[in-house]
N, C-alpha and C. Protein backbone atom coordinates (compact mmCIF):
# COMPACT_ATOMS: atom_id res chain seq x y z
N MET A 1 -62.62 -30.77 9.39
CA MET A 1 -63.76 -31.47 8.88
C MET A 1 -64.97 -30.55 8.88
N LYS A 2 -65.72 -30.53 7.81
CA LYS A 2 -66.92 -29.70 7.69
C LYS A 2 -68.06 -30.32 8.51
N GLU A 3 -68.72 -29.49 9.31
CA GLU A 3 -69.85 -29.98 10.08
C GLU A 3 -71.03 -30.22 9.15
N LYS A 4 -71.85 -31.24 9.49
CA LYS A 4 -73.02 -31.56 8.68
C LYS A 4 -74.17 -30.65 9.07
N ASN A 5 -74.94 -30.24 8.06
CA ASN A 5 -76.14 -29.47 8.38
C ASN A 5 -77.29 -30.44 8.61
N TRP A 6 -78.45 -29.93 8.97
CA TRP A 6 -79.57 -30.79 9.35
C TRP A 6 -80.05 -31.68 8.21
N LYS A 7 -79.86 -31.27 6.97
CA LYS A 7 -80.29 -32.09 5.84
C LYS A 7 -79.35 -33.27 5.59
N GLU A 8 -78.13 -33.18 6.07
CA GLU A 8 -77.13 -34.23 5.85
C GLU A 8 -77.12 -35.29 6.96
N ILE A 9 -77.81 -35.03 8.06
CA ILE A 9 -77.87 -35.98 9.17
C ILE A 9 -79.00 -36.97 8.89
N PRO A 10 -78.75 -38.27 9.06
CA PRO A 10 -79.80 -39.27 8.79
C PRO A 10 -81.01 -39.08 9.69
N ILE A 11 -82.17 -39.51 9.22
CA ILE A 11 -83.41 -39.41 10.00
C ILE A 11 -83.20 -40.10 11.34
N GLY A 12 -83.61 -39.47 12.40
CA GLY A 12 -83.45 -40.01 13.75
C GLY A 12 -82.05 -39.81 14.30
N GLY A 13 -81.19 -39.12 13.57
CA GLY A 13 -79.83 -38.88 14.04
C GLY A 13 -79.02 -40.16 14.18
N LEU A 14 -79.32 -41.16 13.37
CA LEU A 14 -78.63 -42.45 13.45
C LEU A 14 -77.14 -42.30 13.20
N ILE A 15 -76.38 -43.08 13.92
CA ILE A 15 -74.95 -43.17 13.69
C ILE A 15 -74.74 -44.41 12.80
N LEU A 16 -74.52 -44.19 11.53
CA LEU A 16 -74.48 -45.29 10.56
C LEU A 16 -73.13 -46.00 10.48
N ASP A 17 -72.05 -45.32 10.80
CA ASP A 17 -70.73 -45.92 10.72
C ASP A 17 -70.11 -46.00 12.11
N ALA A 18 -69.49 -47.13 12.39
CA ALA A 18 -68.85 -47.32 13.70
C ALA A 18 -67.75 -46.28 13.92
N GLY A 19 -67.73 -45.73 15.13
CA GLY A 19 -66.66 -44.81 15.49
C GLY A 19 -66.82 -43.38 15.01
N ASN A 20 -67.97 -43.01 14.45
CA ASN A 20 -68.10 -41.66 13.94
C ASN A 20 -68.94 -40.74 14.84
N ALA A 21 -69.28 -41.18 16.03
CA ALA A 21 -70.09 -40.35 16.93
C ALA A 21 -69.40 -39.04 17.29
N THR A 22 -68.07 -39.02 17.28
CA THR A 22 -67.34 -37.80 17.62
C THR A 22 -67.53 -36.71 16.57
N GLU A 23 -68.00 -37.09 15.38
CA GLU A 23 -68.23 -36.11 14.32
C GLU A 23 -69.47 -35.26 14.59
N TYR A 24 -70.34 -35.73 15.46
CA TYR A 24 -71.59 -35.02 15.75
C TYR A 24 -71.45 -34.26 17.06
N LYS A 25 -71.43 -32.96 16.99
CA LYS A 25 -71.31 -32.13 18.19
C LYS A 25 -72.71 -31.99 18.80
N THR A 26 -72.98 -32.81 19.78
CA THR A 26 -74.31 -32.87 20.39
C THR A 26 -74.44 -31.97 21.62
N GLY A 27 -73.40 -31.25 21.97
CA GLY A 27 -73.44 -30.38 23.14
C GLY A 27 -74.40 -29.21 23.02
N ASP A 28 -74.81 -28.90 21.81
CA ASP A 28 -75.76 -27.80 21.61
C ASP A 28 -77.15 -28.13 22.13
N TRP A 29 -77.39 -29.37 22.49
CA TRP A 29 -78.70 -29.79 22.99
C TRP A 29 -78.93 -29.36 24.43
N ARG A 30 -77.88 -28.96 25.13
CA ARG A 30 -77.94 -28.70 26.56
C ARG A 30 -78.84 -27.53 26.94
N THR A 31 -79.48 -27.69 28.11
CA THR A 31 -80.14 -26.58 28.80
C THR A 31 -79.32 -26.19 30.02
N PHE A 32 -78.72 -27.20 30.65
CA PHE A 32 -77.83 -26.98 31.79
C PHE A 32 -76.47 -27.59 31.46
N ARG A 33 -75.42 -26.98 31.97
CA ARG A 33 -74.06 -27.47 31.72
C ARG A 33 -73.36 -27.73 33.05
N PRO A 34 -72.51 -28.75 33.07
CA PRO A 34 -71.75 -29.02 34.30
C PRO A 34 -70.56 -28.06 34.39
N GLU A 35 -70.37 -27.50 35.55
CA GLU A 35 -69.18 -26.68 35.81
C GLU A 35 -68.37 -27.39 36.89
N TRP A 36 -67.10 -27.59 36.59
CA TRP A 36 -66.21 -28.37 37.43
C TRP A 36 -65.34 -27.46 38.28
N SER A 37 -65.24 -27.80 39.59
CA SER A 37 -64.39 -27.07 40.52
C SER A 37 -63.14 -27.91 40.79
N VAL A 38 -62.02 -27.48 40.23
CA VAL A 38 -60.76 -28.22 40.40
C VAL A 38 -60.35 -28.28 41.87
N ASP A 39 -60.70 -27.28 42.65
CA ASP A 39 -60.33 -27.24 44.06
C ASP A 39 -61.04 -28.31 44.90
N LYS A 40 -62.27 -28.65 44.53
CA LYS A 40 -63.03 -29.65 45.27
C LYS A 40 -62.79 -31.08 44.78
N CYS A 41 -62.32 -31.22 43.56
CA CYS A 41 -62.19 -32.52 42.91
C CYS A 41 -61.10 -33.38 43.56
N ILE A 42 -61.43 -34.65 43.82
CA ILE A 42 -60.46 -35.60 44.37
C ILE A 42 -60.02 -36.61 43.31
N HIS A 43 -60.43 -36.41 42.08
CA HIS A 43 -60.04 -37.26 40.94
C HIS A 43 -60.37 -38.73 41.18
N CYS A 44 -61.60 -38.98 41.65
CA CYS A 44 -62.05 -40.34 41.91
C CYS A 44 -62.59 -41.02 40.65
N PHE A 45 -62.83 -40.23 39.62
CA PHE A 45 -63.30 -40.70 38.30
C PHE A 45 -64.71 -41.28 38.31
N GLN A 46 -65.48 -41.00 39.36
CA GLN A 46 -66.88 -41.44 39.35
C GLN A 46 -67.64 -40.76 38.21
N CYS A 47 -67.34 -39.50 37.96
CA CYS A 47 -68.00 -38.77 36.87
C CYS A 47 -67.63 -39.39 35.53
N TRP A 48 -66.36 -39.72 35.35
CA TRP A 48 -65.88 -40.32 34.11
C TRP A 48 -66.52 -41.69 33.87
N ALA A 49 -66.59 -42.50 34.92
CA ALA A 49 -67.14 -43.86 34.80
C ALA A 49 -68.63 -43.85 34.49
N ASN A 50 -69.33 -42.81 34.89
CA ASN A 50 -70.78 -42.77 34.72
C ASN A 50 -71.27 -41.88 33.59
N CYS A 51 -70.39 -41.12 32.96
CA CYS A 51 -70.80 -40.22 31.88
C CYS A 51 -71.20 -41.02 30.64
N PRO A 52 -72.45 -40.88 30.18
CA PRO A 52 -72.89 -41.64 29.01
C PRO A 52 -72.32 -41.10 27.70
N ASP A 53 -71.72 -39.93 27.72
CA ASP A 53 -71.20 -39.32 26.49
C ASP A 53 -69.68 -39.27 26.44
N SER A 54 -69.01 -39.87 27.40
CA SER A 54 -67.54 -39.82 27.47
C SER A 54 -67.02 -38.38 27.40
N SER A 55 -67.68 -37.50 28.12
CA SER A 55 -67.35 -36.07 28.06
C SER A 55 -66.44 -35.60 29.18
N ILE A 56 -66.05 -36.50 30.07
CA ILE A 56 -65.12 -36.13 31.13
C ILE A 56 -63.70 -36.34 30.61
N LEU A 57 -62.90 -35.30 30.64
CA LEU A 57 -61.55 -35.35 30.09
C LEU A 57 -60.55 -35.72 31.19
N ILE A 58 -59.71 -36.72 30.89
CA ILE A 58 -58.72 -37.23 31.84
C ILE A 58 -57.35 -37.18 31.17
N LYS A 59 -56.34 -36.74 31.93
CA LYS A 59 -54.96 -36.76 31.45
C LYS A 59 -54.05 -36.97 32.66
N ASP A 60 -53.08 -37.85 32.51
CA ASP A 60 -52.12 -38.14 33.59
C ASP A 60 -52.81 -38.48 34.90
N ASP A 61 -53.83 -39.33 34.83
CA ASP A 61 -54.58 -39.80 36.00
C ASP A 61 -55.27 -38.69 36.79
N LYS A 62 -55.66 -37.63 36.10
CA LYS A 62 -56.41 -36.54 36.73
C LYS A 62 -57.49 -36.04 35.78
N MET A 63 -58.60 -35.62 36.35
CA MET A 63 -59.62 -34.98 35.53
C MET A 63 -59.09 -33.62 35.12
N THR A 64 -59.26 -33.28 33.84
CA THR A 64 -58.75 -32.00 33.35
C THR A 64 -59.85 -31.08 32.83
N GLY A 65 -61.07 -31.57 32.75
CA GLY A 65 -62.16 -30.72 32.28
C GLY A 65 -63.29 -31.52 31.68
N ILE A 66 -64.14 -30.81 30.93
CA ILE A 66 -65.34 -31.39 30.34
C ILE A 66 -65.37 -31.06 28.86
N ASP A 67 -65.68 -32.04 28.04
CA ASP A 67 -65.83 -31.87 26.60
C ASP A 67 -67.23 -31.33 26.32
N TYR A 68 -67.34 -30.02 26.22
CA TYR A 68 -68.64 -29.38 26.02
C TYR A 68 -69.19 -29.56 24.60
N ASP A 69 -68.35 -29.98 23.66
CA ASP A 69 -68.85 -30.26 22.31
C ASP A 69 -69.78 -31.47 22.30
N HIS A 70 -69.58 -32.40 23.24
CA HIS A 70 -70.36 -33.63 23.24
C HIS A 70 -71.23 -33.82 24.49
N CYS A 71 -70.99 -33.06 25.55
CA CYS A 71 -71.79 -33.15 26.77
C CYS A 71 -73.21 -32.65 26.49
N LYS A 72 -74.19 -33.48 26.83
CA LYS A 72 -75.59 -33.11 26.62
C LYS A 72 -76.24 -32.51 27.86
N GLY A 73 -75.50 -32.43 28.96
CA GLY A 73 -76.01 -31.79 30.16
C GLY A 73 -76.97 -32.64 30.96
N CYS A 74 -76.76 -33.95 30.98
CA CYS A 74 -77.68 -34.85 31.68
C CYS A 74 -77.60 -34.69 33.20
N GLY A 75 -76.44 -34.28 33.72
CA GLY A 75 -76.28 -34.05 35.15
C GLY A 75 -75.85 -35.26 35.96
N ILE A 76 -75.62 -36.39 35.31
CA ILE A 76 -75.18 -37.59 36.04
C ILE A 76 -73.87 -37.32 36.77
N CYS A 77 -72.95 -36.64 36.12
CA CYS A 77 -71.65 -36.35 36.75
C CYS A 77 -71.81 -35.56 38.04
N ALA A 78 -72.68 -34.57 38.02
CA ALA A 78 -72.91 -33.75 39.21
C ALA A 78 -73.58 -34.55 40.32
N LYS A 79 -74.51 -35.39 39.94
CA LYS A 79 -75.25 -36.20 40.92
C LYS A 79 -74.34 -37.23 41.58
N ILE A 80 -73.43 -37.82 40.83
CA ILE A 80 -72.59 -38.92 41.31
C ILE A 80 -71.36 -38.43 42.08
N CYS A 81 -70.96 -37.18 41.90
CA CYS A 81 -69.73 -36.67 42.50
C CYS A 81 -69.82 -36.65 44.04
N PRO A 82 -68.91 -37.37 44.72
CA PRO A 82 -68.97 -37.42 46.18
C PRO A 82 -68.54 -36.13 46.87
N LYS A 83 -67.88 -35.23 46.17
CA LYS A 83 -67.39 -33.99 46.77
C LYS A 83 -68.08 -32.74 46.23
N ASN A 84 -69.16 -32.93 45.46
CA ASN A 84 -69.90 -31.81 44.87
C ASN A 84 -68.98 -30.88 44.08
N ALA A 85 -68.05 -31.49 43.36
CA ALA A 85 -67.09 -30.72 42.57
C ALA A 85 -67.66 -30.33 41.21
N ILE A 86 -68.84 -30.84 40.87
CA ILE A 86 -69.49 -30.51 39.60
C ILE A 86 -70.88 -29.97 39.92
N GLU A 87 -71.17 -28.80 39.39
CA GLU A 87 -72.45 -28.15 39.62
C GLU A 87 -73.12 -27.90 38.27
N MET A 88 -74.41 -28.17 38.18
CA MET A 88 -75.15 -27.91 36.95
C MET A 88 -75.65 -26.47 36.98
N VAL A 89 -75.33 -25.71 35.94
CA VAL A 89 -75.74 -24.32 35.85
C VAL A 89 -76.46 -24.10 34.51
N LYS A 90 -77.31 -23.12 34.48
CA LYS A 90 -78.08 -22.81 33.27
C LYS A 90 -77.13 -22.46 32.14
N GLU A 91 -77.35 -23.07 30.99
CA GLU A 91 -76.54 -22.80 29.79
C GLU A 91 -76.83 -21.39 29.29
N VAL A 92 -75.78 -20.65 28.98
CA VAL A 92 -75.92 -19.31 28.43
C VAL A 92 -75.30 -19.34 27.04
N LYS A 93 -76.08 -18.98 26.04
CA LYS A 93 -75.58 -19.02 24.66
C LYS A 93 -75.56 -17.66 24.05
């Protein structure tokens, strides 16, 4: 699928059709990105339950990573993690 340029996105970045939010890669907005430590993670899914962007990836009842295409870097996952398995680090582009 071809990505939309800034002229093709509706004013205010509105999502006009149901279910099309995945077409917009909003991860470029980040200043900080979450980095996940698999060794510290207890797979409690607190990060998944609280992520406003559904950017926590789960497979076979385990966290498997972060969807950086859609993660905006809000830091909720890092703040909520009981084992400090997610750390916010400066985004490098």
